[in-house]
Amino acid sequence: MMCMSPTVVIVDDHPSFRAIARMLLEFDGWTVVGEAADGAGGVAAAGRLRPDMVLLDVNLPDTDGFAVAARITEASDAPAVVLVSSRDARDFGPLVGRSGARGFLSKADLSGPALRRLVA
């Protein structure tokens, strides 16, 4: 039987956030197919695992999430990308819109339903 729940890769340099995000999203019906701790790993995981969505932290150790989002979304069959940060969306001005991401969520507002609204 095929699993019809949406798939997601979580890219964040904090293992504790990845664990919390995984629990929240799996509880809300998402299937977490992979995780990465930096931008290079996130780009590789998105290409290899082909998720429906990539949950991508703005602040990564090797690059910023805006550059990673642009790399992931340049493919014609790219997954949806949603940027997350502990900071407010207003702190980033037009960067979210220019990155190719579908939108932005504060880490405090992360939930399966919130993600579904952004990628619907």
PDB file of N, CA and C in Angstrom:
ATOM      1  N   MET A   1       0.838  -1.185   0.000  1.00  0.00           N
ATOM      2  CA  MET A   1       0.000   0.000   0.000  1.00  0.00           C
ATOM      3  C   MET A   1       0.880   1.244   0.000  1.00  0.00           C
ATOM      4  N   MET A   2       0.554   2.195  -0.871  1.00  0.00           N
ATOM      5  CA  MET A   2       1.350   3.411  -0.962  1.00  0.00           C
ATOM      6  C   MET A   2       0.989   4.387   0.146  1.00  0.00           C
ATOM      7  N   CYS A   3       2.010   5.064   0.631  1.00  0.00           N
ATOM      8  CA  CYS A   3       1.807   6.087   1.647  1.00  0.00           C
ATOM      9  C   CYS A   3       1.486   7.400   0.932  1.00  0.00           C
ATOM     10  N   MET A   4       0.362   7.996   1.268  1.00  0.00           N
ATOM     11  CA  MET A   4      -0.050   9.214   0.575  1.00  0.00           C
ATOM     12  C   MET A   4       0.211  10.480   1.378  1.00  0.00           C
ATOM     13  N   SER A   5       0.884  10.345   2.513  1.00  0.00           N
ATOM     14  CA  SER A   5       1.171  11.543   3.282  1.00  0.00           C
ATOM     15  C   SER A   5       2.292  12.322   2.605  1.00  0.00           C
ATOM     16  N   PRO A   6       2.256  13.657   2.708  1.00  0.00           N
ATOM     17  CA  PRO A   6       3.301  14.452   2.071  1.00  0.00           C
ATOM     18  C   PRO A   6       4.661  14.193   2.733  1.00  0.00           C
ATOM     19  N   THR A   7       5.706  14.242   1.916  1.00  0.00           N
ATOM     20  CA  THR A   7       7.054  13.978   2.408  1.00  0.00           C
ATOM     21  C   THR A   7       7.823  15.275   2.596  1.00  0.00           C
ATOM     22  N   VAL A   8       8.740  15.258   3.562  1.00  0.00           N
ATOM     23  CA  VAL A   8       9.486  16.464   3.897  1.00  0.00           C
ATOM     24  C   VAL A   8      10.908  16.101   4.298  1.00  0.00           C
ATOM     25  N   VAL A   9      11.845  16.986   3.943  1.00  0.00           N
ATOM     26  CA  VAL A   9      13.221  16.949   4.438  1.00  0.00           C
ATOM     27  C   VAL A   9      13.386  18.162   5.334  1.00  0.00           C
ATOM     28  N   ILE A  10      13.965  17.951   6.521  1.00  0.00           N
ATOM     29  CA  ILE A  10      14.186  19.033   7.486  1.00  0.00           C
ATOM     30  C   ILE A  10      15.659  19.425   7.451  1.00  0.00           C
ATOM     31  N   VAL A  11      15.947  20.706   7.185  1.00  0.00           N
ATOM     32  CA  VAL A  11      17.324  21.195   7.131  1.00  0.00           C
ATOM     33  C   VAL A  11      17.505  22.258   8.217  1.00  0.00           C
ATOM     34  N   ASP A  12      18.267  21.903   9.245  1.00  0.00           N
ATOM     35  CA  ASP A  12      18.511  22.807  10.360  1.00  0.00           C
ATOM     36  C   ASP A  12      19.765  22.335  11.072  1.00  0.00           C
ATOM     37  N   ASP A  13      20.597  23.261  11.540  1.00  0.00           N
ATOM     38  CA  ASP A  13      21.850  22.860  12.184  1.00  0.00           C
ATOM     39  C   ASP A  13      21.676  22.455  13.647  1.00  0.00           C
ATOM     40  N   HIS A  14      20.481  22.579  14.194  1.00  0.00           N
ATOM     41  CA  HIS A  14      20.250  22.199  15.592  1.00  0.00           C
ATOM     42  C   HIS A  14      19.521  20.861  15.664  1.00  0.00           C
ATOM     43  N   PRO A  15      20.193  19.810  16.139  1.00  0.00           N
ATOM     44  CA  PRO A  15      19.541  18.498  16.238  1.00  0.00           C
ATOM     45  C   PRO A  15      18.254  18.532  17.068  1.00  0.00           C
ATOM     46  N   SER A  16      18.215  19.373  18.101  1.00  0.00           N
ATOM     47  CA  SER A  16      17.013  19.446  18.941  1.00  0.00           C
ATOM     48  C   SER A  16      15.829  19.987  18.139  1.00  0.00           C
ATOM     49  N   PHE A  17      16.055  21.009  17.293  1.00  0.00           N
ATOM     50  CA  PHE A  17      14.956  21.522  16.476  1.00  0.00           C
ATOM     51  C   PHE A  17      14.517  20.476  15.461  1.00  0.00           C
ATOM     52  N   ARG A  18      15.473  19.788  14.839  1.00  0.00           N
ATOM     53  CA  ARG A  18      15.098  18.746  13.866  1.00  0.00           C
ATOM     54  C   ARG A  18      14.226  17.684  14.537  1.00  0.00           C
ATOM     55  N   ALA A  19      14.576  17.294  15.752  1.00  0.00           N
ATOM     56  CA  ALA A  19      13.803  16.272  16.465  1.00  0.00           C
ATOM     57  C   ALA A  19      12.389  16.773  16.787  1.00  0.00           C
ATOM     58  N   ILE A  20      12.281  18.016  17.241  1.00  0.00           N
ATOM     59  CA  ILE A  20      10.971  18.588  17.565  1.00  0.00           C
ATOM     60  C   ILE A  20      10.133  18.735  16.297  1.00  0.00           C
ATOM     61  N   ALA A  21      10.744  19.247  15.217  1.00  0.00           N
ATOM     62  CA  ALA A  21      10.024  19.419  13.953  1.00  0.00           C
ATOM     63  C   ALA A  21       9.545  18.063  13.433  1.00  0.00           C
ATOM     64  N   ARG A  22      10.403  17.041  13.520  1.00  0.00           N
ATOM     65  CA  ARG A  22      10.026  15.695  13.069  1.00  0.00           C
ATOM     66  C   ARG A  22       8.796  15.209  13.851  1.00  0.00           C
ATOM     67  N   MET A  23       8.828  15.345  15.167  1.00  0.00           N
ATOM     68  CA  MET A  23       7.696  14.891  15.989  1.00  0.00           C
ATOM     69  C   MET A  23       6.413  15.639  15.634  1.00  0.00           C
ATOM     70  N   LEU A  24       6.501  16.962  15.536  1.00  0.00           N
ATOM     71  CA  LEU A  24       5.327  17.776  15.198  1.00  0.00           C
ATOM     72  C   LEU A  24       4.746  17.382  13.844  1.00  0.00           C
ATOM     73  N   LEU A  25       5.616  17.285  12.841  1.00  0.00           N
ATOM     74  CA  LEU A  25       5.140  17.022  11.482  1.00  0.00           C
ATOM     75  C   LEU A  25       4.612  15.607  11.338  1.00  0.00           C
ATOM     76  N   GLU A  26       5.296  14.624  11.923  1.00  0.00           N
ATOM     77  CA  GLU A  26       4.804  13.251  11.832  1.00  0.00           C
ATOM     78  C   GLU A  26       3.461  13.113  12.543  1.00  0.00           C
ATOM     79  N   PHE A  27       3.288  13.806  13.660  1.00  0.00           N
ATOM     80  CA  PHE A  27       2.009  13.796  14.361  1.00  0.00           C
ATOM     81  C   PHE A  27       0.898  14.350  13.466  1.00  0.00           C
ATOM     82  N   ASP A  28       1.234  15.344  12.639  1.00  0.00           N
ATOM     83  CA  ASP A  28       0.253  15.982  11.753  1.00  0.00           C
ATOM     84  C   ASP A  28       0.160  15.313  10.382  1.00  0.00           C
ATOM     85  N   GLY A  29       0.742  14.122  10.228  1.00  0.00           N
ATOM     86  CA  GLY A  29       0.537  13.356   9.001  1.00  0.00           C
ATOM     87  C   GLY A  29       1.596  13.481   7.927  1.00  0.00           C
ATOM     88  N   TRP A  30       2.680  14.198   8.190  1.00  0.00           N
ATOM     89  CA  TRP A  30       3.781  14.293   7.227  1.00  0.00           C
ATOM     90  C   TRP A  30       4.703  13.095   7.402  1.00  0.00           C
ATOM     91  N   THR A  31       5.421  12.722   6.363  1.00  0.00           N
ATOM     92  CA  THR A  31       6.446  11.691   6.447  1.00  0.00           C
ATOM     93  C   THR A  31       7.799  12.365   6.282  1.00  0.00           C
ATOM     94  N   VAL A  32       8.610  12.348   7.331  1.00  0.00           N
ATOM     95  CA  VAL A  32       9.949  12.932   7.264  1.00  0.00           C
ATOM     96  C   VAL A  32      10.866  11.897   6.628  1.00  0.00           C
ATOM     97  N   VAL A  33      11.354  12.196   5.414  1.00  0.00           N
ATOM     98  CA  VAL A  33      12.176  11.238   4.673  1.00  0.00           C
ATOM     99  C   VAL A  33      13.665  11.498   4.834  1.00  0.00           C
ATOM    100  N   GLY A  34      14.037  12.638   5.437  1.00  0.00           N
ATOM    101  CA  GLY A  34      15.452  12.919   5.637  1.00  0.00           C
ATOM    102  C   GLY A  34      15.670  14.194   6.408  1.00  0.00           C
ATOM    103  N   GLU A  35      16.916  14.340   6.860  1.00  0.00           N
ATOM    104  CA  GLU A  35      17.337  15.529   7.587  1.00  0.00           C
ATOM    105  C   GLU A  35      18.731  15.908   7.127  1.00  0.00           C
ATOM    106  N   ALA A  36      19.060  17.182   7.286  1.00  0.00           N
ATOM    107  CA  ALA A  36      20.411  17.661   7.001  1.00  0.00           C
ATOM    108  C   ALA A  36      20.740  18.771   7.985  1.00  0.00           C
ATOM    109  N   ALA A  37      22.047  18.907   8.292  1.00  0.00           N
ATOM    110  CA  ALA A  37      22.491  19.889   9.278  1.00  0.00           C
ATOM    111  C   ALA A  37      23.086  21.140   8.653  1.00  0.00           C
ATOM    112  N   ASP A  38      23.215  21.174   7.315  1.00  0.00           N
ATOM    113  CA  ASP A  38      23.771  22.353   6.655  1.00  0.00           C
ATOM    114  C   ASP A  38      23.202  22.473   5.244  1.00  0.00           C
ATOM    115  N   GLY A  39      23.539  23.582   4.593  1.00  0.00           N
ATOM    116  CA  GLY A  39      22.979  23.856   3.273  1.00  0.00           C
ATOM    117  C   GLY A  39      23.375  22.847   2.219  1.00  0.00           C
ATOM    118  N   ALA A  40      24.665  22.461   2.187  1.00  0.00           N
ATOM    119  CA  ALA A  40      25.124  21.485   1.194  1.00  0.00           C
ATOM    120  C   ALA A  40      24.389  20.163   1.375  1.00  0.00           C
ATOM    121  N   GLY A  41      24.233  19.738   2.623  1.00  0.00           N
ATOM    122  CA  GLY A  41      23.501  18.507   2.899  1.00  0.00           C
ATOM    123  C   GLY A  41      22.040  18.615   2.524  1.00  0.00           C
ATOM    124  N   GLY A  42      21.468  19.800   2.715  1.00  0.00           N
ATOM    125  CA  GLY A  42      20.072  20.026   2.352  1.00  0.00           C
ATOM    126  C   GLY A  42      19.838  19.943   0.858  1.00  0.00           C
ATOM    127  N   VAL A  43      20.732  20.561   0.079  1.00  0.00           N
ATOM    128  CA  VAL A  43      20.622  20.497  -1.384  1.00  0.00           C
ATOM    129  C   VAL A  43      20.754  19.046  -1.839  1.00  0.00           C
ATOM    130  N   ALA A  44      21.729  18.329  -1.282  1.00  0.00           N
ATOM    131  CA  ALA A  44      21.949  16.923  -1.656  1.00  0.00           C
ATOM    132  C   ALA A  44      20.743  16.065  -1.283  1.00  0.00           C
ATOM    133  N   ALA A  45      20.208  16.258  -0.064  1.00  0.00           N
ATOM    134  CA  ALA A  45      19.061  15.462   0.388  1.00  0.00           C
ATOM    135  C   ALA A  45      17.828  15.741  -0.468  1.00  0.00           C
ATOM    136  N   ALA A  46      17.603  17.003  -0.822  1.00  0.00           N
ATOM    137  CA  ALA A  46      16.443  17.346  -1.652  1.00  0.00           C
ATOM    138  C   ALA A  46      16.549  16.663  -3.017  1.00  0.00           C
ATOM    139  N   GLY A  47      17.748  16.651  -3.589  1.00  0.00           N
ATOM    140  CA  GLY A  47      17.931  16.013  -4.890  1.00  0.00           C
ATOM    141  C   GLY A  47      17.819  14.504  -4.825  1.00  0.00           C
ATOM    142  N   ARG A  48      18.355  13.919  -3.779  1.00  0.00           N
ATOM    143  CA  ARG A  48      18.386  12.455  -3.648  1.00  0.00           C
ATOM    144  C   ARG A  48      17.035  11.888  -3.216  1.00  0.00           C
ATOM    145  N   LEU A  49      16.374  12.555  -2.276  1.00  0.00           N
ATOM    146  CA  LEU A  49      15.155  12.011  -1.669  1.00  0.00           C
ATOM    147  C   LEU A  49      13.872  12.489  -2.342  1.00  0.00           C
ATOM    148  N   ARG A  50      13.952  13.578  -3.090  1.00  0.00           N
ATOM    149  CA  ARG A  50      12.832  14.113  -3.852  1.00  0.00           C
ATOM    150  C   ARG A  50      11.551  14.272  -3.010  1.00  0.00           C
ATOM    151  N   PRO A  51      11.651  15.028  -1.917  1.00  0.00           N
ATOM    152  CA  PRO A  51      10.467  15.223  -1.061  1.00  0.00           C
ATOM    153  C   PRO A  51       9.467  16.178  -1.704  1.00  0.00           C
ATOM    154  N   ASP A  52       8.276  16.206  -1.145  1.00  0.00           N
ATOM    155  CA  ASP A  52       7.274  17.185  -1.580  1.00  0.00           C
ATOM    156  C   ASP A  52       7.651  18.583  -1.098  1.00  0.00           C
ATOM    157  N   MET A  53       8.329  18.626   0.074  1.00  0.00           N
ATOM    158  CA  MET A  53       8.662  19.906   0.668  1.00  0.00           C
ATOM    159  C   MET A  53       9.975  19.827   1.428  1.00  0.00           C
ATOM    160  N   VAL A  54      10.672  20.958   1.473  1.00  0.00           N
ATOM    161  CA  VAL A  54      11.880  21.092   2.284  1.00  0.00           C
ATOM    162  C   VAL A  54      11.613  22.185   3.313  1.00  0.00           C
ATOM    163  N   LEU A  55      11.758  21.821   4.576  1.00  0.00           N
ATOM    164  CA  LEU A  55      11.664  22.785   5.679  1.00  0.00           C
ATOM    165  C   LEU A  55      13.081  23.249   5.956  1.00  0.00           C
ATOM    166  N   LEU A  56      13.361  24.518   5.719  1.00  0.00           N
ATOM    167  CA  LEU A  56      14.734  25.008   5.618  1.00  0.00           C
ATOM    168  C   LEU A  56      14.994  26.177   6.559  1.00  0.00           C
ATOM    169  N   ASP A  57      15.949  25.979   7.464  1.00  0.00           N
ATOM    170  CA  ASP A  57      16.340  27.051   8.387  1.00  0.00           C
ATOM    171  C   ASP A  57      17.050  28.163   7.618  1.00  0.00           C
ATOM    172  N   VAL A  58      16.796  29.395   7.994  1.00  0.00           N
ATOM    173  CA  VAL A  58      17.448  30.540   7.356  1.00  0.00           C
ATOM    174  C   VAL A  58      18.927  30.607   7.726  1.00  0.00           C
ATOM    175  N   ASN A  59      19.264  30.308   8.979  1.00  0.00           N
ATOM    176  CA  ASN A  59      20.645  30.429   9.461  1.00  0.00           C
ATOM    177  C   ASN A  59      21.322  29.068   9.513  1.00  0.00           C
ATOM    178  N   LEU A  60      22.186  28.808   8.554  1.00  0.00           N
ATOM    179  CA  LEU A  60      22.915  27.545   8.485  1.00  0.00           C
ATOM    180  C   LEU A  60      24.407  27.813   8.613  1.00  0.00           C
ATOM    181  N   PRO A  61      25.187  26.815   9.052  1.00  0.00           N
ATOM    182  CA  PRO A  61      26.613  27.068   9.292  1.00  0.00           C
ATOM    183  C   PRO A  61      27.428  27.326   8.028  1.00  0.00           C
ATOM    184  N   ASP A  62      27.022  26.771   6.880  1.00  0.00           N
ATOM    185  CA  ASP A  62      27.847  26.905   5.677  1.00  0.00           C
ATOM    186  C   ASP A  62      27.355  27.959   4.699  1.00  0.00           C
ATOM    187  N   THR A  63      26.110  28.359   4.785  1.00  0.00           N
ATOM    188  CA  THR A  63      25.526  29.355   3.887  1.00  0.00           C
ATOM    189  C   THR A  63      24.195  29.785   4.485  1.00  0.00           C
ATOM    190  N   ASP A  64      23.506  30.716   3.850  1.00  0.00           N
ATOM    191  CA  ASP A  64      22.191  31.077   4.388  1.00  0.00           C
ATOM    192  C   ASP A  64      21.093  30.320   3.644  1.00  0.00           C
ATOM    193  N   GLY A  65      19.971  30.182   4.314  1.00  0.00           N
ATOM    194  CA  GLY A  65      18.861  29.433   3.745  1.00  0.00           C
ATOM    195  C   GLY A  65      18.309  30.022   2.464  1.00  0.00           C
ATOM    196  N   PHE A  66      18.474  31.328   2.271  1.00  0.00           N
ATOM    197  CA  PHE A  66      17.966  31.947   1.041  1.00  0.00           C
ATOM    198  C   PHE A  66      18.716  31.408  -0.178  1.00  0.00           C
ATOM    199  N   ALA A  67      20.036  31.280  -0.061  1.00  0.00           N
ATOM    200  CA  ALA A  67      20.845  30.725  -1.155  1.00  0.00           C
ATOM    201  C   ALA A  67      20.506  29.258  -1.390  1.00  0.00           C
ATOM    202  N   VAL A  68      20.296  28.517  -0.317  1.00  0.00           N
ATOM    203  CA  VAL A  68      19.941  27.098  -0.440  1.00  0.00           C
ATOM    204  C   VAL A  68      18.576  26.963  -1.112  1.00  0.00           C
ATOM    205  N   ALA A  69      17.615  27.777  -0.713  1.00  0.00           N
ATOM    206  CA  ALA A  69      16.284  27.740  -1.331  1.00  0.00           C
ATOM    207  C   ALA A  69      16.376  28.013  -2.822  1.00  0.00           C
ATOM    208  N   ALA A  70      17.175  28.996  -3.201  1.00  0.00           N
ATOM    209  CA  ALA A  70      17.333  29.319  -4.621  1.00  0.00           C
ATOM    210  C   ALA A  70      17.920  28.130  -5.385  1.00  0.00           C
ATOM    211  N   ARG A  71      18.906  27.445  -4.803  1.00  0.00           N
ATOM    212  CA  ARG A  71      19.504  26.275  -5.462  1.00  0.00           C
ATOM    213  C   ARG A  71      18.495  25.148  -5.603  1.00  0.00           C
ATOM    214  N   ILE A  72      17.740  24.881  -4.539  1.00  0.00           N
ATOM    215  CA  ILE A  72      16.780  23.774  -4.577  1.00  0.00           C
ATOM    216  C   ILE A  72      15.661  24.053  -5.564  1.00  0.00           C
ATOM    217  N   THR A  73      15.171  25.290  -5.611  1.00  0.00           N
ATOM    218  CA  THR A  73      13.992  25.598  -6.431  1.00  0.00           C
ATOM    219  C   THR A  73      14.310  25.884  -7.887  1.00  0.00           C
ATOM    220  N   GLU A  74      15.591  25.865  -8.281  1.00  0.00           N
ATOM    221  CA  GLU A  74      15.882  26.131  -9.692  1.00  0.00           C
ATOM    222  C   GLU A  74      15.534  24.956 -10.601  1.00  0.00           C
ATOM    223  N   ALA A  75      15.383  23.755 -10.059  1.00  0.00           N
ATOM    224  CA  ALA A  75      14.992  22.597 -10.873  1.00  0.00           C
ATOM    225  C   ALA A  75      13.522  22.705 -11.256  1.00  0.00           C
ATOM    226  N   SER A  76      13.158  22.191 -12.431  1.00  0.00           N
ATOM    227  CA  SER A  76      11.770  22.304 -12.895  1.00  0.00           C
ATOM    228  C   SER A  76      10.814  21.483 -12.039  1.00  0.00           C
ATOM    229  N   ASP A  77      11.291  20.390 -11.447  1.00  0.00           N
ATOM    230  CA  ASP A  77      10.434  19.540 -10.612  1.00  0.00           C
ATOM    231  C   ASP A  77      10.803  19.682  -9.136  1.00  0.00           C
ATOM    232  N   ALA A  78      11.185  20.888  -8.754  1.00  0.00           N
ATOM    233  CA  ALA A  78      11.675  21.151  -7.399  1.00  0.00           C
ATOM    234  C   ALA A  78      10.572  20.988  -6.359  1.00  0.00           C
ATOM    235  N   PRO A  79      10.958  20.584  -5.154  1.00  0.00           N
ATOM    236  CA  PRO A  79       9.982  20.548  -4.063  1.00  0.00           C
ATOM    237  C   PRO A  79       9.650  21.970  -3.616  1.00  0.00           C
ATOM    238  N   ALA A  80       8.547  22.103  -2.927  1.00  0.00           N
ATOM    239  CA  ALA A  80       8.235  23.373  -2.281  1.00  0.00           C
ATOM    240  C   ALA A  80       9.244  23.575  -1.156  1.00  0.00           C
ATOM    241  N   VAL A  81       9.655  24.816  -0.941  1.00  0.00           N
ATOM    242  CA  VAL A  81      10.570  25.138   0.151  1.00  0.00           C
ATOM    243  C   VAL A  81       9.873  26.121   1.077  1.00  0.00           C
ATOM    244  N   VAL A  82       9.925  25.825   2.375  1.00  0.00           N
ATOM    245  CA  VAL A  82       9.408  26.746   3.382  1.00  0.00           C
ATOM    246  C   VAL A  82      10.562  27.081   4.315  1.00  0.00           C
ATOM    247  N   LEU A  83      10.854  28.360   4.434  1.00  0.00           N
ATOM    248  CA  LEU A  83      11.925  28.829   5.307  1.00  0.00           C
ATOM    249  C   LEU A  83      11.411  28.968   6.737  1.00  0.00           C
ATOM    250  N   VAL A  84      12.279  28.647   7.703  1.00  0.00           N
ATOM    251  CA  VAL A  84      11.943  28.812   9.118  1.00  0.00           C
ATOM    252  C   VAL A  84      13.082  29.525   9.826  1.00  0.00           C
ATOM    253  N   SER A  85      12.726  30.239  10.881  1.00  0.00           N
ATOM    254  CA  SER A  85      13.729  30.912  11.702  1.00  0.00           C
ATOM    255  C   SER A  85      13.113  31.211  13.050  1.00  0.00           C
ATOM    256  N   SER A  86      13.969  31.390  14.032  1.00  0.00           N
ATOM    257  CA  SER A  86      13.474  31.849  15.332  1.00  0.00           C
ATOM    258  C   SER A  86      13.211  33.353  15.277  1.00  0.00           C
ATOM    259  N   ARG A  87      13.717  34.011  14.244  1.00  0.00           N
ATOM    260  CA  ARG A  87      13.466  35.446  14.055  1.00  0.00           C
ATOM    261  C   ARG A  87      12.153  35.658  13.302  1.00  0.00           C
ATOM    262  N   ASP A  88      11.703  36.880  13.267  1.00  0.00           N
ATOM    263  CA  ASP A  88      10.452  37.249  12.609  1.00  0.00           C
ATOM    264  C   ASP A  88      10.672  37.450  11.114  1.00  0.00           C
ATOM    265  N   ALA A  89       9.667  37.155  10.317  1.00  0.00           N
ATOM    266  CA  ALA A  89       9.758  37.319   8.860  1.00  0.00           C
ATOM    267  C   ALA A  89      10.137  38.744   8.475  1.00  0.00           C
ATOM    268  N   ARG A  90       9.681  39.730   9.235  1.00  0.00           N
ATOM    269  CA  ARG A  90       9.982  41.133   8.905  1.00  0.00           C
ATOM    270  C   ARG A  90      11.480  41.419   8.948  1.00  0.00           C
ATOM    271  N   ASP A  91      12.224  40.612   9.716  1.00  0.00           N
ATOM    272  CA  ASP A  91      13.675  40.811   9.803  1.00  0.00           C
ATOM    273  C   ASP A  91      14.376  40.550   8.469  1.00  0.00           C
ATOM    274  N   PHE A  92      13.715  39.838   7.574  1.00  0.00           N
ATOM    275  CA  PHE A  92      14.377  39.431   6.331  1.00  0.00           C
ATOM    276  C   PHE A  92      13.917  40.210   5.107  1.00  0.00           C
ATOM    277  N   GLY A  93      12.963  41.113   5.275  1.00  0.00           N
ATOM    278  CA  GLY A  93      12.513  41.947   4.170  1.00  0.00           C
ATOM    279  C   GLY A  93      12.142  41.132   2.947  1.00  0.00           C
ATOM    280  N   PRO A  94      12.633  41.547   1.754  1.00  0.00           N
ATOM    281  CA  PRO A  94      12.254  40.869   0.510  1.00  0.00           C
ATOM    282  C   PRO A  94      13.022  39.573   0.242  1.00  0.00           C
ATOM    283  N   LEU A  95      13.939  39.182   1.128  1.00  0.00           N
ATOM    284  CA  LEU A  95      14.764  37.999   0.859  1.00  0.00           C
ATOM    285  C   LEU A  95      13.949  36.722   0.714  1.00  0.00           C
ATOM    286  N   VAL A  96      12.887  36.574   1.495  1.00  0.00           N
ATOM    287  CA  VAL A  96      12.065  35.368   1.412  1.00  0.00           C
ATOM    288  C   VAL A  96      11.458  35.252   0.012  1.00  0.00           C
ATOM    289  N   GLY A  97      10.860  36.327  -0.467  1.00  0.00           N
ATOM    290  CA  GLY A  97      10.222  36.309  -1.780  1.00  0.00           C
ATOM    291  C   GLY A  97      11.196  36.071  -2.922  1.00  0.00           C
ATOM    292  N   ARG A  98      12.397  36.578  -2.800  1.00  0.00           N
ATOM    293  CA  ARG A  98      13.399  36.432  -3.863  1.00  0.00           C
ATOM    294  C   ARG A  98      14.038  35.045  -3.892  1.00  0.00           C
ATOM    295  N   SER A  99      13.901  34.281  -2.813  1.00  0.00           N
ATOM    296  CA  SER A  99      14.633  33.018  -2.675  1.00  0.00           C
ATOM    297  C   SER A  99      14.019  31.864  -3.458  1.00  0.00           C
ATOM    298  N   GLY A 100      12.778  32.011  -3.884  1.00  0.00           N
ATOM    299  CA  GLY A 100      12.092  30.892  -4.531  1.00  0.00           C
ATOM    300  C   GLY A 100      11.270  30.076  -3.551  1.00  0.00           C
ATOM    301  N   ALA A 101      11.365  30.400  -2.262  1.00  0.00           N
ATOM    302  CA  ALA A 101      10.597  29.679  -1.244  1.00  0.00           C
ATOM    303  C   ALA A 101       9.118  30.020  -1.345  1.00  0.00           C
ATOM    304  N   ARG A 102       8.270  29.078  -0.941  1.00  0.00           N
ATOM    305  CA  ARG A 102       6.824  29.310  -0.933  1.00  0.00           C
ATOM    306  C   ARG A 102       6.405  30.249   0.174  1.00  0.00           C
ATOM    307  N   GLY A 103       7.225  30.309   1.215  1.00  0.00           N
ATOM    308  CA  GLY A 103       6.864  31.175   2.319  1.00  0.00           C
ATOM    309  C   GLY A 103       7.791  30.988   3.499  1.00  0.00           C
ATOM    310  N   PHE A 104       7.370  31.558   4.615  1.00  0.00           N
ATOM    311  CA  PHE A 104       8.184  31.602   5.824  1.00  0.00           C
ATOM    312  C   PHE A 104       7.302  31.315   7.028  1.00  0.00           C
ATOM    313  N   LEU A 105       7.833  30.562   7.971  1.00  0.00           N
ATOM    314  CA  LEU A 105       7.180  30.342   9.257  1.00  0.00           C
ATOM    315  C   LEU A 105       8.185  30.601  10.360  1.00  0.00           C
ATOM    316  N   SER A 106       7.731  31.209  11.426  1.00  0.00           N
ATOM    317  CA  SER A 106       8.600  31.290  12.593  1.00  0.00           C
ATOM    318  C   SER A 106       8.610  29.891  13.217  1.00  0.00           C
ATOM    319  N   LYS A 107       9.726  29.518  13.827  1.00  0.00           N
ATOM    320  CA  LYS A 107       9.821  28.183  14.427  1.00  0.00           C
ATOM    321  C   LYS A 107       8.730  27.979  15.463  1.00  0.00           C
ATOM    322  N   ALA A 108       8.344  29.042  16.155  1.00  0.00           N
ATOM    323  CA  ALA A 108       7.295  28.936  17.172  1.00  0.00           C
ATOM    324  C   ALA A 108       5.936  28.598  16.566  1.00  0.00           C
ATOM    325  N   ASP A 109       5.728  28.930  15.281  1.00  0.00           N
ATOM    326  CA  ASP A 109       4.439  28.701  14.622  1.00  0.00           C
ATOM    327  C   ASP A 109       4.412  27.432  13.777  1.00  0.00           C
ATOM    328  N   LEU A 110       5.473  26.641  13.823  1.00  0.00           N
ATOM    329  CA  LEU A 110       5.565  25.443  12.988  1.00  0.00           C
ATOM    330  C   LEU A 110       4.492  24.427  13.352  1.00  0.00           C
ATOM    331  N   SER A 111       3.745  23.984  12.348  1.00  0.00           N
ATOM    332  CA  SER A 111       2.775  22.907  12.507  1.00  0.00           C
ATOM    333  C   SER A 111       2.493  22.325  11.126  1.00  0.00           C
ATOM    334  N   GLY A 112       1.982  21.116  11.109  1.00  0.00           N
ATOM    335  CA  GLY A 112       1.597  20.498   9.839  1.00  0.00           C
ATOM    336  C   GLY A 112       0.572  21.315   9.087  1.00  0.00           C
ATOM    337  N   PRO A 113      -0.516  21.741   9.765  1.00  0.00           N
ATOM    338  CA  PRO A 113      -1.524  22.559   9.062  1.00  0.00           C
ATOM    339  C   PRO A 113      -0.940  23.870   8.514  1.00  0.00           C
ATOM    340  N   ALA A 114      -0.055  24.522   9.264  1.00  0.00           N
ATOM    341  CA  ALA A 114       0.553  25.775   8.780  1.00  0.00           C
ATOM    342  C   ALA A 114       1.357  25.516   7.515  1.00  0.00           C
ATOM    343  N   LEU A 115       2.105  24.413   7.486  1.00  0.00           N
ATOM    344  CA  LEU A 115       2.873  24.076   6.278  1.00  0.00           C
ATOM    345  C   LEU A 115       1.958  23.771   5.108  1.00  0.00           C
ATOM    346  N   ARG A 116       0.892  23.027   5.369  1.00  0.00           N
ATOM    347  CA  ARG A 116      -0.032  22.696   4.282  1.00  0.00           C
ATOM    348  C   ARG A 116      -0.619  23.951   3.652  1.00  0.00           C
ATOM    349  N   ARG A 117      -0.937  24.955   4.487  1.00  0.00           N
ATOM    350  CA  ARG A 117      -1.482  26.213   3.947  1.00  0.00           C
ATOM    351  C   ARG A 117      -0.463  26.894   3.024  1.00  0.00           C
ATOM    352  N   LEU A 118       0.810  26.825   3.375  1.00  0.00           N
ATOM    353  CA  LEU A 118       1.839  27.487   2.553  1.00  0.00           C
ATOM    354  C   LEU A 118       2.104  26.752   1.240  1.00  0.00           C
ATOM    355  N   VAL A 119       1.974  25.436   1.230  1.00  0.00           N
ATOM    356  CA  VAL A 119       2.328  24.685   0.018  1.00  0.00           C
ATOM    357  C   VAL A 119       1.124  24.253  -0.799  1.00  0.00           C
ATOM    358  N   ALA A 120      -0.082  24.600  -0.337  1.00  0.00           N
ATOM    359  CA  ALA A 120      -1.297  24.201  -1.069  1.00  0.00           C
ATOM    360  C   ALA A 120      -1.398  24.910  -2.405  1.00  0.00           C
TER     361      ALA A 120
END
